[in-house]
Amino acid sequence: MSASTVSKPLHVRVASAIVPDAGKHAIDSVRARLSRRRMAPLREEYLRRHGPEVLRGPFAGLRYPPGLPEHDHVAHHVLAKLVGSYESQIYPWFEEWIAGDFELVIDVGCAEGFYAVGFARAMPAVEVRAYDILAQAREDCAAFARANGVQERVTIGGECTPATLAAVSGDARVALLSDCEGYEKILLDPQLAPNLRNWSIIVEQHTLVDPTIADTIKRRFSDTHEIEVIDYVPPDGGGLAELDWLSDEQRRFVLSERPFPMSWAMLRPRRGA
């Protein structure tokens, strides 16, 4: 039984088991709307105090363009990104990439472009290809790239498939970031995209969507890559002076990232594999 299941009261677990999917979607929609309503004044006050620039981490100095922090698919996580705590458990991996010798970064599931634009800004010699199936996300990523002066090196597309990856030059030095809500089980298949065997890969493993994902990734890449896994731990917000005006509970709320259990995997290609 997962930690997320154990933490839920019995009546919630029973209701979850018997409520039809349509009802669950309606409940999720209401929860998301309430979360956005609660977040809005906190986000506005933060931006008034500190502005739209990322304060720390590998993407420090990145700036959100006006209006972007309020967009629905951006709004909940934007404060965590601005203070530099969002997914900070894997910042050492990002710093490893930034110090590396790559010529292409591929970001699948780019959302508003925090990572795509962040890598383009931090790695001035690389090309970035960003993919997202949501049109609004692609528009936001383009605006984000323009606001940070990297639009000439950020190419934005819709669906990314194994065939898309297979079409990348086999000689290219590639870093691939995958955050695509379970689609990674289809996307990261070296049988369909053999050049994956030579790439450095960071993948968010959505085992809440499909419990077999982590094992599948390990089985497919264990012969060609060293695999390091980090389990998600909710941040506590300690040491972030710019959030001192929030209560402890509000700080946890604005920094919350996702349900758990969840993990990331770093796949480093073995030399000579």
C-alpha atoms as a PDB file:
ATOM      1  CA  MET A   1       0.000   0.000   0.000  1.00  0.00           C
ATOM      2  CA  SER A   2       1.396   3.409  -0.981  1.00  0.00           C
ATOM      3  CA  ALA A   3       2.153   6.203   1.427  1.00  0.00           C
ATOM      4  CA  SER A   4      -0.465   8.365  -0.279  1.00  0.00           C
ATOM      5  CA  THR A   5      -3.118   5.705   0.320  1.00  0.00           C
ATOM      6  CA  VAL A   6      -2.170   5.174   3.950  1.00  0.00           C
ATOM      7  CA  SER A   7      -2.388   8.893   4.663  1.00  0.00           C
ATOM      8  CA  LYS A   8      -6.022   9.116   3.466  1.00  0.00           C
ATOM      9  CA  PRO A   9      -8.912   8.586   5.913  1.00  0.00           C
ATOM     10  CA  LEU A  10     -10.951   5.418   5.449  1.00  0.00           C
ATOM     11  CA  HIS A  11     -14.033   7.260   4.185  1.00  0.00           C
ATOM     12  CA  VAL A  12     -11.942   8.992   1.493  1.00  0.00           C
ATOM     13  CA  ARG A  13     -10.453   5.673   0.350  1.00  0.00           C
ATOM     14  CA  VAL A  14     -13.894   4.054   0.198  1.00  0.00           C
ATOM     15  CA  ALA A  15     -15.372   6.994  -1.707  1.00  0.00           C
ATOM     16  CA  SER A  16     -12.469   6.926  -4.136  1.00  0.00           C
ATOM     17  CA  ALA A  17     -13.148   3.266  -4.851  1.00  0.00           C
ATOM     18  CA  ILE A  18     -16.868   3.697  -5.573  1.00  0.00           C
ATOM     19  CA  VAL A  19     -17.133   7.142  -7.221  1.00  0.00           C
ATOM     20  CA  PRO A  20     -17.265   6.803 -11.044  1.00  0.00           C
ATOM     21  CA  ASP A  21     -14.427   8.299 -13.071  1.00  0.00           C
ATOM     22  CA  ALA A  22     -16.631  11.164 -14.254  1.00  0.00           C
ATOM     23  CA  GLY A  23     -17.341  12.061 -10.641  1.00  0.00           C
ATOM     24  CA  LYS A  24     -13.632  11.911  -9.789  1.00  0.00           C
ATOM     25  CA  HIS A  25     -12.833  14.263 -12.664  1.00  0.00           C
ATOM     26  CA  ALA A  26     -15.497  16.688 -11.431  1.00  0.00           C
ATOM     27  CA  ILE A  27     -14.059  16.554  -7.899  1.00  0.00           C
ATOM     28  CA  ASP A  28     -10.540  17.115  -9.233  1.00  0.00           C
ATOM     29  CA  SER A  29     -11.788  20.096 -11.228  1.00  0.00           C
ATOM     30  CA  VAL A  30     -13.378  21.654  -8.147  1.00  0.00           C
ATOM     31  CA  ARG A  31     -10.214  21.061  -6.092  1.00  0.00           C
ATOM     32  CA  ALA A  32      -8.059  22.652  -8.803  1.00  0.00           C
ATOM     33  CA  ARG A  33     -10.350  25.682  -8.964  1.00  0.00           C
ATOM     34  CA  LEU A  34     -10.258  26.124  -5.184  1.00  0.00           C
ATOM     35  CA  SER A  35      -6.472  25.746  -5.190  1.00  0.00           C
ATOM     36  CA  ARG A  36      -6.106  28.434  -7.873  1.00  0.00           C
ATOM     37  CA  ARG A  37      -8.399  30.767  -5.923  1.00  0.00           C
ATOM     38  CA  ARG A  38      -6.374  30.269  -2.771  1.00  0.00           C
ATOM     39  CA  MET A  39      -3.040  30.667  -4.553  1.00  0.00           C
ATOM     40  CA  ALA A  40      -3.892  33.866  -6.431  1.00  0.00           C
ATOM     41  CA  PRO A  41      -3.486  36.431  -3.605  1.00  0.00           C
ATOM     42  CA  LEU A  42      -0.331  34.724  -2.326  1.00  0.00           C
ATOM     43  CA  ARG A  43       1.199  34.760  -5.803  1.00  0.00           C
ATOM     44  CA  GLU A  44       0.245  38.405  -6.343  1.00  0.00           C
ATOM     45  CA  GLU A  45       1.785  39.439  -3.030  1.00  0.00           C
ATOM     46  CA  TYR A  46       4.975  37.493  -3.731  1.00  0.00           C
ATOM     47  CA  LEU A  47       5.360  39.113  -7.167  1.00  0.00           C
ATOM     48  CA  ARG A  48       4.762  42.546  -5.626  1.00  0.00           C
ATOM     49  CA  ARG A  49       7.511  41.920  -3.086  1.00  0.00           C
ATOM     50  CA  HIS A  50      10.108  40.082  -5.160  1.00  0.00           C
ATOM     51  CA  GLY A  51       9.202  40.282  -8.847  1.00  0.00           C
ATOM     52  CA  PRO A  52       9.218  37.595 -11.574  1.00  0.00           C
ATOM     53  CA  GLU A  53      12.900  36.585 -11.490  1.00  0.00           C
ATOM     54  CA  VAL A  54      14.127  33.149 -10.346  1.00  0.00           C
ATOM     55  CA  LEU A  55      16.226  33.765  -7.234  1.00  0.00           C
ATOM     56  CA  ARG A  56      18.412  30.679  -6.858  1.00  0.00           C
ATOM     57  CA  GLY A  57      19.322  27.323  -8.317  1.00  0.00           C
ATOM     58  CA  PRO A  58      20.731  26.459 -11.757  1.00  0.00           C
ATOM     59  CA  PHE A  59      18.232  28.788 -13.481  1.00  0.00           C
ATOM     60  CA  ALA A  60      18.748  31.851 -11.266  1.00  0.00           C
ATOM     61  CA  GLY A  61      18.138  35.032 -13.235  1.00  0.00           C
ATOM     62  CA  LEU A  62      15.467  33.524 -15.487  1.00  0.00           C
ATOM     63  CA  ARG A  63      12.531  35.960 -15.750  1.00  0.00           C
ATOM     64  CA  TYR A  64       8.844  35.239 -16.264  1.00  0.00           C
ATOM     65  CA  PRO A  65       7.145  37.595 -18.738  1.00  0.00           C
ATOM     66  CA  PRO A  66       4.127  39.622 -17.580  1.00  0.00           C
ATOM     67  CA  GLY A  67       0.949  37.567 -17.270  1.00  0.00           C
ATOM     68  CA  LEU A  68       2.559  34.139 -17.541  1.00  0.00           C
ATOM     69  CA  PRO A  69       2.600  33.381 -13.773  1.00  0.00           C
ATOM     70  CA  GLU A  70      -1.208  33.669 -13.722  1.00  0.00           C
ATOM     71  CA  HIS A  71      -1.895  31.049 -16.409  1.00  0.00           C
ATOM     72  CA  ASP A  72      -3.730  28.008 -15.030  1.00  0.00           C
ATOM     73  CA  HIS A  73      -1.107  25.385 -15.868  1.00  0.00           C
ATOM     74  CA  VAL A  74       1.667  27.591 -14.435  1.00  0.00           C
ATOM     75  CA  ALA A  75       0.100  29.266 -11.428  1.00  0.00           C
ATOM     76  CA  HIS A  76       0.385  26.620  -8.709  1.00  0.00           C
ATOM     77  CA  HIS A  77       4.097  25.888  -9.117  1.00  0.00           C
ATOM     78  CA  VAL A  78       5.353  29.323 -10.067  1.00  0.00           C
ATOM     79  CA  LEU A  79       6.351  30.439  -6.554  1.00  0.00           C
ATOM     80  CA  ALA A  80       8.366  27.253  -6.017  1.00  0.00           C
ATOM     81  CA  LYS A  81      10.127  27.936  -9.314  1.00  0.00           C
ATOM     82  CA  LEU A  82      10.758  31.599  -8.505  1.00  0.00           C
ATOM     83  CA  VAL A  83      12.307  30.901  -5.093  1.00  0.00           C
ATOM     84  CA  GLY A  84      14.361  28.051  -6.562  1.00  0.00           C
ATOM     85  CA  SER A  85      12.913  25.132  -4.616  1.00  0.00           C
ATOM     86  CA  TYR A  86      10.942  23.402  -7.382  1.00  0.00           C
ATOM     87  CA  GLU A  87      12.311  19.874  -7.891  1.00  0.00           C
ATOM     88  CA  SER A  88      15.489  21.063  -6.168  1.00  0.00           C
ATOM     89  CA  GLN A  89      16.322  17.458  -5.263  1.00  0.00           C
ATOM     90  CA  ILE A  90      17.536  16.979  -8.820  1.00  0.00           C
ATOM     91  CA  TYR A  91      19.305  20.343  -9.246  1.00  0.00           C
ATOM     92  CA  PRO A  92      22.703  18.589  -8.989  1.00  0.00           C
ATOM     93  CA  TRP A  93      21.769  16.618 -12.093  1.00  0.00           C
ATOM     94  CA  PHE A  94      20.858  19.816 -13.941  1.00  0.00           C
ATOM     95  CA  GLU A  95      24.136  21.389 -12.893  1.00  0.00           C
ATOM     96  CA  GLU A  96      25.931  18.307 -14.223  1.00  0.00           C
ATOM     97  CA  TRP A  97      24.268  18.867 -17.589  1.00  0.00           C
ATOM     98  CA  ILE A  98      25.050  22.578 -17.586  1.00  0.00           C
ATOM     99  CA  ALA A  99      28.733  21.787 -16.997  1.00  0.00           C
ATOM    100  CA  GLY A 100      28.677  19.050 -19.640  1.00  0.00           C
ATOM    101  CA  ASP A 101      29.521  18.968 -23.323  1.00  0.00           C
ATOM    102  CA  PHE A 102      26.084  18.798 -24.942  1.00  0.00           C
ATOM    103  CA  GLU A 103      24.914  20.318 -28.177  1.00  0.00           C
ATOM    104  CA  LEU A 104      21.198  19.515 -27.897  1.00  0.00           C
ATOM    105  CA  VAL A 105      18.739  19.444 -24.990  1.00  0.00           C
ATOM    106  CA  ILE A 106      15.330  17.842 -25.614  1.00  0.00           C
ATOM    107  CA  ASP A 107      12.531  18.655 -23.159  1.00  0.00           C
ATOM    108  CA  VAL A 108       9.431  16.474 -23.525  1.00  0.00           C
ATOM    109  CA  GLY A 109       6.475  17.820 -21.552  1.00  0.00           C
ATOM    110  CA  CYS A 110       7.906  21.329 -21.415  1.00  0.00           C
ATOM    111  CA  ALA A 111       4.808  23.089 -19.980  1.00  0.00           C
ATOM    112  CA  GLU A 112       5.487  26.845 -19.897  1.00  0.00           C
ATOM    113  CA  GLY A 113       9.175  26.267 -20.652  1.00  0.00           C
ATOM    114  CA  PHE A 114      10.807  26.687 -17.246  1.00  0.00           C
ATOM    115  CA  TYR A 115      13.388  24.003 -18.015  1.00  0.00           C
ATOM    116  CA  ALA A 116      13.579  24.484 -21.791  1.00  0.00           C
ATOM    117  CA  VAL A 117      14.236  28.216 -21.491  1.00  0.00           C
ATOM    118  CA  GLY A 118      16.306  27.735 -18.337  1.00  0.00           C
ATOM    119  CA  PHE A 119      18.696  25.340 -20.073  1.00  0.00           C
ATOM    120  CA  ALA A 120      18.909  27.563 -23.158  1.00  0.00           C
ATOM    121  CA  ARG A 121      19.890  30.495 -20.956  1.00  0.00           C
ATOM    122  CA  ALA A 122      22.329  28.494 -18.811  1.00  0.00           C
ATOM    123  CA  MET A 123      23.899  26.675 -21.790  1.00  0.00           C
ATOM    124  CA  PRO A 124      24.464  29.340 -24.460  1.00  0.00           C
ATOM    125  CA  ALA A 125      26.035  26.920 -26.939  1.00  0.00           C
ATOM    126  CA  VAL A 126      23.155  24.424 -27.063  1.00  0.00           C
ATOM    127  CA  GLU A 127      20.030  24.048 -29.141  1.00  0.00           C
ATOM    128  CA  VAL A 128      16.863  23.231 -27.202  1.00  0.00           C
ATOM    129  CA  ARG A 129      13.877  21.357 -28.603  1.00  0.00           C
ATOM    130  CA  ALA A 130      10.785  21.618 -26.415  1.00  0.00           C
ATOM    131  CA  TYR A 131       7.638  19.542 -26.869  1.00  0.00           C
ATOM    132  CA  ASP A 132       4.171  19.716 -25.333  1.00  0.00           C
ATOM    133  CA  ILE A 133       0.810  18.480 -26.593  1.00  0.00           C
ATOM    134  CA  LEU A 134      -1.008  21.521 -25.106  1.00  0.00           C
ATOM    135  CA  ALA A 135      -1.215  24.514 -27.436  1.00  0.00           C
ATOM    136  CA  GLN A 136      -1.293  26.973 -24.520  1.00  0.00           C
ATOM    137  CA  ALA A 137       1.905  25.473 -23.122  1.00  0.00           C
ATOM    138  CA  ARG A 138       3.631  25.901 -26.484  1.00  0.00           C
ATOM    139  CA  GLU A 139       2.504  29.535 -26.733  1.00  0.00           C
ATOM    140  CA  ASP A 140       3.715  30.207 -23.181  1.00  0.00           C
ATOM    141  CA  CYS A 141       7.070  28.551 -23.853  1.00  0.00           C
ATOM    142  CA  ALA A 142       7.571  30.766 -26.901  1.00  0.00           C
ATOM    143  CA  ALA A 143       6.746  33.895 -24.860  1.00  0.00           C
ATOM    144  CA  PHE A 144       9.086  32.746 -22.083  1.00  0.00           C
ATOM    145  CA  ALA A 145      11.918  32.200 -24.576  1.00  0.00           C
ATOM    146  CA  ARG A 146      11.424  35.670 -26.094  1.00  0.00           C
ATOM    147  CA  ALA A 147      11.392  37.298 -22.655  1.00  0.00           C
ATOM    148  CA  ASN A 148      14.803  35.754 -21.926  1.00  0.00           C
ATOM    149  CA  GLY A 149      16.355  36.377 -25.328  1.00  0.00           C
ATOM    150  CA  VAL A 150      16.829  32.720 -26.306  1.00  0.00           C
ATOM    151  CA  GLN A 151      14.045  32.336 -28.869  1.00  0.00           C
ATOM    152  CA  GLU A 152      16.532  31.684 -31.683  1.00  0.00           C
ATOM    153  CA  ARG A 153      17.769  28.516 -29.942  1.00  0.00           C
ATOM    154  CA  VAL A 154      14.467  27.117 -28.639  1.00  0.00           C
ATOM    155  CA  THR A 155      12.405  25.142 -31.139  1.00  0.00           C
ATOM    156  CA  ILE A 156       8.909  24.251 -29.923  1.00  0.00           C
ATOM    157  CA  GLY A 157       6.804  21.337 -31.147  1.00  0.00           C
ATOM    158  CA  GLY A 158       3.719  19.334 -30.239  1.00  0.00           C
ATOM    159  CA  GLU A 159       3.775  15.569 -29.894  1.00  0.00           C
ATOM    160  CA  CYS A 160       7.145  13.880 -29.438  1.00  0.00           C
ATOM    161  CA  THR A 161       7.216  10.187 -30.315  1.00  0.00           C
ATOM    162  CA  PRO A 162       9.921   7.517 -30.373  1.00  0.00           C
ATOM    163  CA  ALA A 163      10.166   8.217 -34.100  1.00  0.00           C
ATOM    164  CA  THR A 164      10.854  11.887 -33.329  1.00  0.00           C
ATOM    165  CA  LEU A 165      13.768  10.860 -31.132  1.00  0.00           C
ATOM    166  CA  ALA A 166      14.992   8.280 -33.617  1.00  0.00           C
ATOM    167  CA  ALA A 167      15.242  11.022 -36.255  1.00  0.00           C
ATOM    168  CA  VAL A 168      17.838  12.962 -34.226  1.00  0.00           C
ATOM    169  CA  SER A 169      21.347  12.598 -35.599  1.00  0.00           C
ATOM    170  CA  GLY A 170      23.105   9.608 -34.095  1.00  0.00           C
ATOM    171  CA  ASP A 171      26.264  11.675 -33.619  1.00  0.00           C
ATOM    172  CA  ALA A 172      24.593  14.431 -31.593  1.00  0.00           C
ATOM    173  CA  ARG A 173      25.550  14.914 -27.927  1.00  0.00           C
ATOM    174  CA  VAL A 174      22.063  14.920 -26.399  1.00  0.00           C
ATOM    175  CA  ALA A 175      20.544  15.443 -22.968  1.00  0.00           C
ATOM    176  CA  LEU A 176      16.889  14.376 -22.786  1.00  0.00           C
ATOM    177  CA  LEU A 177      14.462  15.511 -20.068  1.00  0.00           C
ATOM    178  CA  SER A 178      11.172  13.614 -19.895  1.00  0.00           C
ATOM    179  CA  ASP A 179       8.182  14.729 -17.806  1.00  0.00           C
ATOM    180  CA  CYS A 180       5.184  13.460 -19.714  1.00  0.00           C
ATOM    181  CA  GLU A 181       2.698  12.021 -17.223  1.00  0.00           C
ATOM    182  CA  GLY A 182       3.298   8.317 -17.854  1.00  0.00           C
ATOM    183  CA  TYR A 183       3.965   8.553 -21.600  1.00  0.00           C
ATOM    184  CA  GLU A 184       7.636   7.954 -20.772  1.00  0.00           C
ATOM    185  CA  LYS A 185       6.870   4.213 -20.880  1.00  0.00           C
ATOM    186  CA  ILE A 186       6.122   4.579 -24.591  1.00  0.00           C
ATOM    187  CA  LEU A 187       8.622   7.319 -25.412  1.00  0.00           C
ATOM    188  CA  LEU A 188      11.777   5.899 -23.838  1.00  0.00           C
ATOM    189  CA  ASP A 189      12.088   2.707 -25.854  1.00  0.00           C
ATOM    190  CA  PRO A 190      15.580   2.040 -27.243  1.00  0.00           C
ATOM    191  CA  GLN A 191      14.156  -0.602 -29.557  1.00  0.00           C
ATOM    192  CA  LEU A 192      12.239   2.151 -31.356  1.00  0.00           C
ATOM    193  CA  ALA A 193      14.812   4.930 -30.846  1.00  0.00           C
ATOM    194  CA  PRO A 194      18.254   3.248 -30.694  1.00  0.00           C
ATOM    195  CA  ASN A 195      20.114   6.544 -30.191  1.00  0.00           C
ATOM    196  CA  LEU A 196      18.646   6.704 -26.665  1.00  0.00           C
ATOM    197  CA  ARG A 197      21.389   4.245 -25.730  1.00  0.00           C
ATOM    198  CA  ASN A 198      23.939   7.055 -26.108  1.00  0.00           C
ATOM    199  CA  TRP A 199      22.039   9.917 -24.461  1.00  0.00           C
ATOM    200  CA  SER A 200      22.019  11.293 -20.946  1.00  0.00           C
ATOM    201  CA  ILE A 201      18.407  11.094 -19.734  1.00  0.00           C
ATOM    202  CA  ILE A 202      16.503  12.478 -16.761  1.00  0.00           C
ATOM    203  CA  VAL A 203      13.004  11.053 -16.454  1.00  0.00           C
ATOM    204  CA  GLU A 204      10.231  11.755 -13.992  1.00  0.00           C
ATOM    205  CA  GLN A 205       8.778   8.302 -13.301  1.00  0.00           C
ATOM    206  CA  HIS A 206       4.994   8.580 -12.938  1.00  0.00           C
ATOM    207  CA  THR A 207       4.389   5.369 -11.037  1.00  0.00           C
ATOM    208  CA  LEU A 208       1.071   6.738  -9.761  1.00  0.00           C
ATOM    209  CA  VAL A 209      -0.083   6.538 -13.384  1.00  0.00           C
ATOM    210  CA  ASP A 210       1.513   3.142 -14.063  1.00  0.00           C
ATOM    211  CA  PRO A 211       3.287   1.205 -11.269  1.00  0.00           C
ATOM    212  CA  THR A 212       5.415  -0.676 -13.818  1.00  0.00           C
ATOM    213  CA  ILE A 213       7.157   2.388 -15.243  1.00  0.00           C
ATOM    214  CA  ALA A 214      10.240   2.436 -12.992  1.00  0.00           C
ATOM    215  CA  ASP A 215      10.936  -1.259 -13.507  1.00  0.00           C
ATOM    216  CA  THR A 216      10.427  -0.885 -17.249  1.00  0.00           C
ATOM    217  CA  ILE A 217      12.928   1.980 -17.477  1.00  0.00           C
ATOM    218  CA  LYS A 218      15.454   0.019 -15.420  1.00  0.00           C
ATOM    219  CA  ARG A 219      15.071  -3.103 -17.568  1.00  0.00           C
ATOM    220  CA  ARG A 220      15.417  -1.217 -20.847  1.00  0.00           C
ATOM    221  CA  PHE A 221      18.489   0.807 -19.886  1.00  0.00           C
ATOM    222  CA  SER A 222      20.428  -1.171 -17.281  1.00  0.00           C
ATOM    223  CA  ASP A 223      22.808  -2.605 -19.916  1.00  0.00           C
ATOM    224  CA  THR A 224      23.664   0.766 -21.457  1.00  0.00           C
ATOM    225  CA  HIS A 225      23.360   3.259 -18.572  1.00  0.00           C
ATOM    226  CA  GLU A 226      24.263   3.817 -14.971  1.00  0.00           C
ATOM    227  CA  ILE A 227      20.931   4.524 -13.291  1.00  0.00           C
ATOM    228  CA  GLU A 228      20.517   6.755 -10.248  1.00  0.00           C
ATOM    229  CA  VAL A 229      17.070   7.149  -8.656  1.00  0.00           C
ATOM    230  CA  ILE A 230      15.875   9.872  -6.282  1.00  0.00           C
ATOM    231  CA  ASP A 231      12.545   9.558  -4.480  1.00  0.00           C
ATOM    232  CA  TYR A 232      10.464  12.702  -4.132  1.00  0.00           C
ATOM    233  CA  VAL A 233      10.326  14.226  -0.655  1.00  0.00           C
ATOM    234  CA  PRO A 234       7.914  17.156  -0.063  1.00  0.00           C
ATOM    235  CA  PRO A 235       9.821  20.398   0.633  1.00  0.00           C
ATOM    236  CA  ASP A 236       9.459  22.093   4.018  1.00  0.00           C
ATOM    237  CA  GLY A 237      10.322  25.591   2.826  1.00  0.00           C
ATOM    238  CA  GLY A 238      13.035  26.123   5.394  1.00  0.00           C
ATOM    239  CA  GLY A 239      15.725  28.726   4.721  1.00  0.00           C
ATOM    240  CA  LEU A 240      13.666  30.740   2.218  1.00  0.00           C
ATOM    241  CA  ALA A 241      13.645  34.231   3.719  1.00  0.00           C
ATOM    242  CA  GLU A 242      11.460  35.640   0.947  1.00  0.00           C
ATOM    243  CA  LEU A 243       8.597  33.449   2.221  1.00  0.00           C
ATOM    244  CA  ASP A 244       8.852  34.501   5.871  1.00  0.00           C
ATOM    245  CA  TRP A 245       5.616  36.492   5.555  1.00  0.00           C
ATOM    246  CA  LEU A 246       3.701  33.217   5.021  1.00  0.00           C
ATOM    247  CA  SER A 247       2.515  30.863   7.746  1.00  0.00           C
ATOM    248  CA  ASP A 248       4.089  27.403   7.886  1.00  0.00           C
ATOM    249  CA  GLU A 249       0.959  25.913   6.342  1.00  0.00           C
ATOM    250  CA  GLN A 250       0.849  28.519   3.557  1.00  0.00           C
ATOM    251  CA  ARG A 251       4.532  27.928   2.811  1.00  0.00           C
ATOM    252  CA  ARG A 252       3.935  24.185   2.428  1.00  0.00           C
ATOM    253  CA  PHE A 253       0.978  24.945   0.159  1.00  0.00           C
ATOM    254  CA  VAL A 254       2.815  27.272  -2.241  1.00  0.00           C
ATOM    255  CA  LEU A 255       5.828  24.936  -2.422  1.00  0.00           C
ATOM    256  CA  SER A 256       3.871  21.709  -2.852  1.00  0.00           C
ATOM    257  CA  GLU A 257       4.738  19.962  -6.085  1.00  0.00           C
ATOM    258  CA  ARG A 258       2.865  16.692  -6.522  1.00  0.00           C
ATOM    259  CA  PRO A 259       1.383  13.655  -4.818  1.00  0.00           C
ATOM    260  CA  PHE A 260       3.791  10.913  -3.830  1.00  0.00           C
ATOM    261  CA  PRO A 261       5.296   8.328  -4.028  1.00  0.00           C
ATOM    262  CA  MET A 262       7.134   9.543  -7.120  1.00  0.00           C
ATOM    263  CA  SER A 263      10.727   9.362  -8.282  1.00  0.00           C
ATOM    264  CA  TRP A 264      13.178  10.657 -10.835  1.00  0.00           C
ATOM    265  CA  ALA A 265      15.841   8.622 -12.596  1.00  0.00           C
ATOM    266  CA  MET A 266      19.110   9.874 -14.055  1.00  0.00           C
ATOM    267  CA  LEU A 267      20.442   7.626 -16.819  1.00  0.00           C
ATOM    268  CA  ARG A 268      24.096   8.198 -17.609  1.00  0.00           C
ATOM    269  CA  PRO A 269      25.400   6.273 -20.631  1.00  0.00           C
ATOM    270  CA  ARG A 270      28.147   3.776 -19.873  1.00  0.00           C
ATOM    271  CA  ARG A 271      31.363   4.357 -21.742  1.00  0.00           C
ATOM    272  CA  GLY A 272      31.744   1.828 -24.508  1.00  0.00           C
ATOM    273  CA  ALA A 273      28.260   0.355 -23.971  1.00  0.00           C
END
